[in-house]
PDB file of N, CA and C in Angstrom:
ATOM      1  N   MET A   1       0.850  -1.171  -0.005  1.00  0.00           N
ATOM      2  CA  MET A   1       0.002  -0.005  -0.012  1.00  0.00           C
ATOM      3  C   MET A   1       0.893   1.219  -0.009  1.00  0.00           C
ATOM      4  N   SER A   2       1.084   1.849  -1.127  1.00  0.00           N
ATOM      5  CA  SER A   2       1.962   2.970  -1.253  1.00  0.00           C
ATOM      6  C   SER A   2       1.326   4.257  -0.734  1.00  0.00           C
ATOM      7  N   GLY A   3       2.031   4.995   0.135  1.00  0.00           N
ATOM      8  CA  GLY A   3       1.531   6.236   0.612  1.00  0.00           C
ATOM      9  C   GLY A   3       0.489   6.135   1.667  1.00  0.00           C
ATOM     10  N   GLY A   4       0.193   4.905   2.122  1.00  0.00           N
ATOM     11  CA  GLY A   4      -0.863   4.724   3.082  1.00  0.00           C
ATOM     12  C   GLY A   4      -0.353   4.878   4.506  1.00  0.00           C
ATOM     13  N   VAL A   5      -1.222   4.613   5.415  1.00  0.00           N
ATOM     14  CA  VAL A   5      -0.900   4.701   6.831  1.00  0.00           C
ATOM     15  C   VAL A   5      -0.748   3.275   7.388  1.00  0.00           C
ATOM     16  N   GLU A   6       0.320   3.039   8.079  1.00  0.00           N
ATOM     17  CA  GLU A   6       0.535   1.698   8.639  1.00  0.00           C
ATOM     18  C   GLU A   6       0.570   1.774  10.128  1.00  0.00           C
ATOM     19  N   LEU A   7       0.012   0.784  10.740  1.00  0.00           N
ATOM     20  CA  LEU A   7       0.003   0.722  12.209  1.00  0.00           C
ATOM     21  C   LEU A   7       1.251  -0.021  12.692  1.00  0.00           C
ATOM     22  N   GLU A   8       1.828   0.524  13.730  1.00  0.00           N
ATOM     23  CA  GLU A   8       3.042  -0.118  14.290  1.00  0.00           C
ATOM     24  C   GLU A   8       2.911  -0.102  15.803  1.00  0.00           C
ATOM     25  N   THR A   9       3.092  -1.235  16.455  1.00  0.00           N
ATOM     26  CA  THR A   9       3.099  -1.276  17.897  1.00  0.00           C
ATOM     27  C   THR A   9       4.492  -1.649  18.366  1.00  0.00           C
ATOM     28  N   PRO A  10       4.977  -1.073  19.416  1.00  0.00           N
ATOM     29  CA  PRO A  10       6.315  -1.323  19.896  1.00  0.00           C
ATOM     30  C   PRO A  10       6.444  -2.794  20.340  1.00  0.00           C
ATOM     31  N   VAL A  11       7.614  -3.356  20.049  1.00  0.00           N
ATOM     32  CA  VAL A  11       7.850  -4.757  20.455  1.00  0.00           C
ATOM     33  C   VAL A  11       8.765  -4.839  21.675  1.00  0.00           C
ATOM     34  N   ASP A  12       9.172  -3.721  22.157  1.00  0.00           N
ATOM     35  CA  ASP A  12      10.134  -3.739  23.265  1.00  0.00           C
ATOM     36  C   ASP A  12       9.443  -3.718  24.644  1.00  0.00           C
ATOM     37  N   GLY A  13       8.161  -3.887  24.664  1.00  0.00           N
ATOM     38  CA  GLY A  13       7.454  -3.914  25.929  1.00  0.00           C
ATOM     39  C   GLY A  13       7.084  -2.568  26.485  1.00  0.00           C
ATOM     40  N   SER A  14       7.354  -1.515  25.739  1.00  0.00           N
ATOM     41  CA  SER A  14       6.961  -0.175  26.224  1.00  0.00           C
ATOM     42  C   SER A  14       5.443  -0.023  26.114  1.00  0.00           C
ATOM     43  N   ASP A  15       4.986   1.174  26.391  1.00  0.00           N
ATOM     44  CA  ASP A  15       3.545   1.406  26.322  1.00  0.00           C
ATOM     45  C   ASP A  15       3.019   0.941  24.967  1.00  0.00           C
ATOM     46  N   PRO A  16       1.884   0.296  25.025  1.00  0.00           N
ATOM     47  CA  PRO A  16       1.307  -0.230  23.755  1.00  0.00           C
ATOM     48  C   PRO A  16       0.564   0.818  22.914  1.00  0.00           C
ATOM     49  N   LEU A  17       1.187   1.960  22.826  1.00  0.00           N
ATOM     50  CA  LEU A  17       0.569   2.988  22.000  1.00  0.00           C
ATOM     51  C   LEU A  17       0.750   2.690  20.532  1.00  0.00           C
ATOM     52  N   THR A  18      -0.204   2.983  19.761  1.00  0.00           N
ATOM     53  CA  THR A  18      -0.125   2.722  18.314  1.00  0.00           C
ATOM     54  C   THR A  18       0.564   3.948  17.687  1.00  0.00           C
ATOM     55  N   HIS A  19       1.498   3.700  16.815  1.00  0.00           N
ATOM     56  CA  HIS A  19       2.213   4.779  16.123  1.00  0.00           C
ATOM     57  C   HIS A  19       1.738   4.752  14.644  1.00  0.00           C
ATOM     58  N   TYR A  20       1.431   5.978  14.195  1.00  0.00           N
ATOM     59  CA  TYR A  20       1.063   6.109  12.791  1.00  0.00           C
ATOM     60  C   TYR A  20       2.202   6.789  12.036  1.00  0.00           C
ATOM     61  N   PHE A  21       2.477   6.314  10.856  1.00  0.00           N
ATOM     62  CA  PHE A  21       3.473   6.993  10.043  1.00  0.00           C
ATOM     63  C   PHE A  21       3.148   6.755   8.585  1.00  0.00           C
ATOM     64  N   HIS A  22       3.565   7.683   7.749  1.00  0.00           N
ATOM     65  CA  HIS A  22       3.335   7.562   6.334  1.00  0.00           C
ATOM     66  C   HIS A  22       4.510   6.814   5.692  1.00  0.00           C
ATOM     67  N   LYS A  23       4.146   5.945   4.771  1.00  0.00           N
ATOM     68  CA  LYS A  23       5.155   5.061   4.215  1.00  0.00           C
ATOM     69  C   LYS A  23       6.087   5.774   3.245  1.00  0.00           C
ATOM     70  N   SER A  24       5.598   6.781   2.552  1.00  0.00           N
ATOM     71  CA  SER A  24       6.473   7.477   1.602  1.00  0.00           C
ATOM     72  C   SER A  24       6.737   8.896   2.057  1.00  0.00           C
ATOM     73  N   PRO A  25       7.979   9.329   1.911  1.00  0.00           N
ATOM     74  CA  PRO A  25       8.339  10.710   2.326  1.00  0.00           C
ATOM     75  C   PRO A  25       7.619  11.791   1.571  1.00  0.00           C
ATOM     76  N   GLU A  26       7.219  11.508   0.330  1.00  0.00           N
ATOM     77  CA  GLU A  26       6.556  12.523  -0.493  1.00  0.00           C
ATOM     78  C   GLU A  26       5.031  12.487  -0.314  1.00  0.00           C
ATOM     79  N   HIS A  27       4.567  11.779   0.704  1.00  0.00           N
ATOM     80  CA  HIS A  27       3.114  11.659   0.912  1.00  0.00           C
ATOM     81  C   HIS A  27       2.406  12.997   0.994  1.00  0.00           C
ATOM     82  N   CYS A  28       2.958  13.917   1.752  1.00  0.00           N
ATOM     83  CA  CYS A  28       2.290  15.204   1.917  1.00  0.00           C
ATOM     84  C   CYS A  28       2.197  15.967   0.612  1.00  0.00           C
ATOM     85  N   SER A  29       3.293  16.043  -0.134  1.00  0.00           N
ATOM     86  CA  SER A  29       3.248  16.788  -1.395  1.00  0.00           C
ATOM     87  C   SER A  29       2.333  16.142  -2.395  1.00  0.00           C
ATOM     88  N   VAL A  30       2.303  14.815  -2.446  1.00  0.00           N
ATOM     89  CA  VAL A  30       1.390  14.104  -3.369  1.00  0.00           C
ATOM     90  C   VAL A  30      -0.076  14.366  -2.940  1.00  0.00           C
ATOM     91  N   SER A  31      -0.327  14.307  -1.648  1.00  0.00           N
ATOM     92  CA  SER A  31      -1.679  14.550  -1.142  1.00  0.00           C
ATOM     93  C   SER A  31      -2.154  15.964  -1.447  1.00  0.00           C
ATOM     94  N   PHE A  32      -1.286  16.969  -1.193  1.00  0.00           N
ATOM     95  CA  PHE A  32      -1.663  18.333  -1.474  1.00  0.00           C
ATOM     96  C   PHE A  32      -1.842  18.565  -2.995  1.00  0.00           C
ATOM     97  N   ALA A  33      -1.068  17.912  -3.789  1.00  0.00           N
ATOM     98  CA  ALA A  33      -1.217  18.033  -5.232  1.00  0.00           C
ATOM     99  C   ALA A  33      -2.555  17.488  -5.670  1.00  0.00           C
ATOM    100  N   ALA A  34      -2.947  16.344  -5.116  1.00  0.00           N
ATOM    101  CA  ALA A  34      -4.270  15.759  -5.452  1.00  0.00           C
ATOM    102  C   ALA A  34      -5.411  16.656  -4.998  1.00  0.00           C
ATOM    103  N   ILE A  35      -5.301  17.198  -3.829  1.00  0.00           N
ATOM    104  CA  ILE A  35      -6.315  18.104  -3.284  1.00  0.00           C
ATOM    105  C   ILE A  35      -6.414  19.341  -4.155  1.00  0.00           C
ATOM    106  N   ASN A  36      -5.278  19.913  -4.567  1.00  0.00           N
ATOM    107  CA  ASN A  36      -5.279  21.076  -5.439  1.00  0.00           C
ATOM    108  C   ASN A  36      -5.884  20.798  -6.752  1.00  0.00           C
ATOM    109  N   LYS A  37      -5.613  19.618  -7.332  1.00  0.00           N
ATOM    110  CA  LYS A  37      -6.201  19.235  -8.625  1.00  0.00           C
ATOM    111  C   LYS A  37      -7.728  19.145  -8.512  1.00  0.00           C
ATOM    112  N   MET A  38      -8.204  18.568  -7.393  1.00  0.00           N
ATOM    113  CA  MET A  38      -9.642  18.477  -7.218  1.00  0.00           C
ATOM    114  C   MET A  38     -10.269  19.875  -7.099  1.00  0.00           C
ATOM    115  N   ARG A  39      -9.561  20.733  -6.411  1.00  0.00           N
ATOM    116  CA  ARG A  39     -10.057  22.128  -6.242  1.00  0.00           C
ATOM    117  C   ARG A  39     -10.128  22.824  -7.603  1.00  0.00           C
ATOM    118  N   GLN A  40      -9.129  22.618  -8.433  1.00  0.00           N
ATOM    119  CA  GLN A  40      -9.102  23.220  -9.782  1.00  0.00           C
ATOM    120  C   GLN A  40     -10.257  22.667 -10.609  1.00  0.00           C
ATOM    121  N   ASN A  41     -10.478  21.363 -10.518  1.00  0.00           N
ATOM    122  CA  ASN A  41     -11.571  20.756 -11.334  1.00  0.00           C
ATOM    123  C   ASN A  41     -12.936  21.307 -10.903  1.00  0.00           C
ATOM    124  N   ILE A  42     -13.127  21.469  -9.598  1.00  0.00           N
ATOM    125  CA  ILE A  42     -14.371  21.981  -9.072  1.00  0.00           C
ATOM    126  C   ILE A  42     -14.536  23.422  -9.542  1.00  0.00           C
ATOM    127  N   GLN A  43     -13.498  24.229  -9.489  1.00  0.00           N
ATOM    128  CA  GLN A  43     -13.559  25.629  -9.920  1.00  0.00           C
ATOM    129  C   GLN A  43     -13.916  25.692 -11.401  1.00  0.00           C
ATOM    130  N   ALA A  44     -13.331  24.821 -12.228  1.00  0.00           N
ATOM    131  CA  ALA A  44     -13.636  24.851 -13.648  1.00  0.00           C
ATOM    132  C   ALA A  44     -15.119  24.473 -13.890  1.00  0.00           C
ATOM    133  N   ASP A  45     -15.647  23.502 -13.097  1.00  0.00           N
ATOM    134  CA  ASP A  45     -17.040  23.144 -13.239  1.00  0.00           C
ATOM    135  C   ASP A  45     -17.955  24.317 -12.842  1.00  0.00           C
ATOM    136  N   VAL A  46     -17.605  25.040 -11.801  1.00  0.00           N
ATOM    137  CA  VAL A  46     -18.378  26.162 -11.343  1.00  0.00           C
ATOM    138  C   VAL A  46     -18.385  27.253 -12.417  1.00  0.00           C
ATOM    139  N   GLU A  47     -17.228  27.510 -13.003  1.00  0.00           N
ATOM    140  CA  GLU A  47     -17.118  28.522 -14.060  1.00  0.00           C
ATOM    141  C   GLU A  47     -17.972  28.100 -15.284  1.00  0.00           C
ATOM    142  N   SER A  48     -17.951  26.830 -15.613  1.00  0.00           N
ATOM    143  CA  SER A  48     -18.773  26.352 -16.771  1.00  0.00           C
ATOM    144  C   SER A  48     -20.259  26.556 -16.516  1.00  0.00           C
ATOM    145  N   VAL A  49     -20.704  26.256 -15.304  1.00  0.00           N
ATOM    146  CA  VAL A  49     -22.089  26.442 -14.939  1.00  0.00           C
ATOM    147  C   VAL A  49     -22.453  27.897 -15.000  1.00  0.00           C
ATOM    148  N   ARG A  50     -21.591  28.775 -14.515  1.00  0.00           N
ATOM    149  CA  ARG A  50     -21.885  30.230 -14.573  1.00  0.00           C
ATOM    150  C   ARG A  50     -22.002  30.664 -16.007  1.00  0.00           C
ATOM    151  N   PHE A  51     -21.138  30.194 -16.882  1.00  0.00           N
ATOM    152  CA  PHE A  51     -21.164  30.561 -18.285  1.00  0.00           C
ATOM    153  C   PHE A  51     -22.494  30.140 -18.902  1.00  0.00           C
ATOM    154  N   ILE A  52     -22.919  28.900 -18.623  1.00  0.00           N
ATOM    155  CA  ILE A  52     -24.195  28.413 -19.155  1.00  0.00           C
ATOM    156  C   ILE A  52     -25.359  29.221 -18.625  1.00  0.00           C
ATOM    157  N   GLU A  53     -25.300  29.606 -17.345  1.00  0.00           N
ATOM    158  CA  GLU A  53     -26.379  30.439 -16.783  1.00  0.00           C
ATOM    159  C   GLU A  53     -26.419  31.810 -17.488  1.00  0.00           C
ATOM    160  N   ILE A  54     -25.275  32.361 -17.781  1.00  0.00           N
ATOM    161  CA  ILE A  54     -25.252  33.663 -18.468  1.00  0.00           C
ATOM    162  C   ILE A  54     -25.813  33.529 -19.875  1.00  0.00           C
ATOM    163  N   LEU A  55     -25.429  32.436 -20.586  1.00  0.00           N
ATOM    164  CA  LEU A  55     -25.981  32.201 -21.916  1.00  0.00           C
ATOM    165  C   LEU A  55     -27.485  32.049 -21.925  1.00  0.00           C
ATOM    166  N   SER A  56     -27.967  31.395 -20.876  1.00  0.00           N
ATOM    167  CA  SER A  56     -29.440  31.155 -20.814  1.00  0.00           C
ATOM    168  C   SER A  56     -30.211  32.461 -20.617  1.00  0.00           C
ATOM    169  N   LEU A  57     -29.555  33.512 -20.162  1.00  0.00           N
ATOM    170  CA  LEU A  57     -30.242  34.788 -19.958  1.00  0.00           C
ATOM    171  C   LEU A  57     -30.331  35.601 -21.252  1.00  0.00           C
ATOM    172  N   LEU A  58     -29.532  35.243 -22.248  1.00  0.00           N
ATOM    173  CA  LEU A  58     -29.515  35.969 -23.512  1.00  0.00           C
ATOM    174  C   LEU A  58     -30.706  35.515 -24.382  1.00  0.00           C
ATOM    175  N   PRO A  59     -31.213  36.402 -25.232  1.00  0.00           N
ATOM    176  CA  PRO A  59     -32.342  36.019 -26.098  1.00  0.00           C
ATOM    177  C   PRO A  59     -31.896  34.996 -27.151  1.00  0.00           C
ATOM    178  N   ALA A  60     -32.779  34.054 -27.416  1.00  0.00           N
ATOM    179  CA  ALA A  60     -32.481  32.982 -28.358  1.00  0.00           C
ATOM    180  C   ALA A  60     -32.188  33.478 -29.756  1.00  0.00           C
ATOM    181  N   SER A  61     -32.753  34.648 -30.103  1.00  0.00           N
ATOM    182  CA  SER A  61     -32.545  35.216 -31.450  1.00  0.00           C
ATOM    183  C   SER A  61     -31.038  35.515 -31.726  1.00  0.00           C
ATOM    184  N   LEU A  62     -30.280  35.686 -30.700  1.00  0.00           N
ATOM    185  CA  LEU A  62     -28.855  35.915 -30.907  1.00  0.00           C
ATOM    186  C   LEU A  62     -28.149  34.677 -31.400  1.00  0.00           C
ATOM    187  N   PHE A  63     -28.658  33.515 -31.066  1.00  0.00           N
ATOM    188  CA  PHE A  63     -28.001  32.262 -31.437  1.00  0.00           C
ATOM    189  C   PHE A  63     -28.502  31.669 -32.728  1.00  0.00           C
ATOM    190  N   GLN A  64     -29.607  32.182 -33.238  1.00  0.00           N
ATOM    191  CA  GLN A  64     -30.201  31.576 -34.440  1.00  0.00           C
ATOM    192  C   GLN A  64     -29.222  31.578 -35.637  1.00  0.00           C
ATOM    193  N   PRO A  65     -28.502  32.686 -35.944  1.00  0.00           N
ATOM    194  CA  PRO A  65     -27.573  32.624 -37.081  1.00  0.00           C
ATOM    195  C   PRO A  65     -26.499  31.562 -36.864  1.00  0.00           C
ATOM    196  N   LEU A  66     -26.051  31.396 -35.618  1.00  0.00           N
ATOM    197  CA  LEU A  66     -25.051  30.364 -35.358  1.00  0.00           C
ATOM    198  C   LEU A  66     -25.605  29.010 -35.629  1.00  0.00           C
ATOM    199  N   PHE A  67     -26.855  28.718 -35.150  1.00  0.00           N
ATOM    200  CA  PHE A  67     -27.418  27.410 -35.374  1.00  0.00           C
ATOM    201  C   PHE A  67     -27.719  27.160 -36.841  1.00  0.00           C
ATOM    202  N   GLU A  68     -28.145  28.171 -37.549  1.00  0.00           N
ATOM    203  CA  GLU A  68     -28.377  28.052 -38.988  1.00  0.00           C
ATOM    204  C   GLU A  68     -27.089  27.697 -39.729  1.00  0.00           C
ATOM    205  N   GLY A  69     -26.002  28.359 -39.347  1.00  0.00           N
ATOM    206  CA  GLY A  69     -24.717  28.052 -39.987  1.00  0.00           C
ATOM    207  C   GLY A  69     -24.270  26.639 -39.705  1.00  0.00           C
ATOM    208  N   VAL A  70     -24.429  26.167 -38.488  1.00  0.00           N
ATOM    209  CA  VAL A  70     -24.072  24.801 -38.156  1.00  0.00           C
ATOM    210  C   VAL A  70     -24.948  23.805 -38.875  1.00  0.00           C
ATOM    211  N   ARG A  71     -26.254  24.091 -38.923  1.00  0.00           N
ATOM    212  CA  ARG A  71     -27.159  23.190 -39.609  1.00  0.00           C
ATOM    213  C   ARG A  71     -26.843  23.075 -41.072  1.00  0.00           C
ATOM    214  N   SER A  72     -26.564  24.208 -41.704  1.00  0.00           N
ATOM    215  CA  SER A  72     -26.291  24.204 -43.159  1.00  0.00           C
ATOM    216  C   SER A  72     -24.925  23.496 -43.454  1.00  0.00           C
ATOM    217  N   SER A  73     -23.969  23.643 -42.533  1.00  0.00           N
ATOM    218  CA  SER A  73     -22.691  22.974 -42.749  1.00  0.00           C
ATOM    219  C   SER A  73     -22.819  21.452 -42.556  1.00  0.00           C
ATOM    220  N   LEU A  74     -23.771  21.028 -41.751  1.00  0.00           N
ATOM    221  CA  LEU A  74     -23.958  19.594 -41.504  1.00  0.00           C
ATOM    222  C   LEU A  74     -24.845  18.938 -42.547  1.00  0.00           C
ATOM    223  N   TYR A  75     -25.956  19.651 -42.898  1.00  0.00           N
ATOM    224  CA  TYR A  75     -26.976  19.041 -43.741  1.00  0.00           C
ATOM    225  C   TYR A  75     -27.105  19.692 -45.093  1.00  0.00           C
ATOM    226  N   GLY A  76     -26.337  20.725 -45.377  1.00  0.00           N
ATOM    227  CA  GLY A  76     -26.459  21.427 -46.645  1.00  0.00           C
ATOM    228  C   GLY A  76     -27.505  22.518 -46.591  1.00  0.00           C
ATOM    229  N   PRO A  77     -27.515  23.354 -47.606  1.00  0.00           N
ATOM    230  CA  PRO A  77     -28.437  24.509 -47.608  1.00  0.00           C
ATOM    231  C   PRO A  77     -29.905  24.127 -47.756  1.00  0.00           C
TER     232      PRO A  77
END
């Protein structure tokens, strides 16, 4: 299990406290990179939704020439 948490109990008879440690030294940087990537993806999704909301406020007549151009390029005049 790379980068995971492993349980270790002392074998020398000392207090039976459980010790947690990360197996890889780069665990923190990898974890923060993953968290940052998730944050960026969420931000991009939020911006996309905002853009769609703004487009939905515009009158449909603005888009008709665009749709006509796409339709004619796909299906002919």
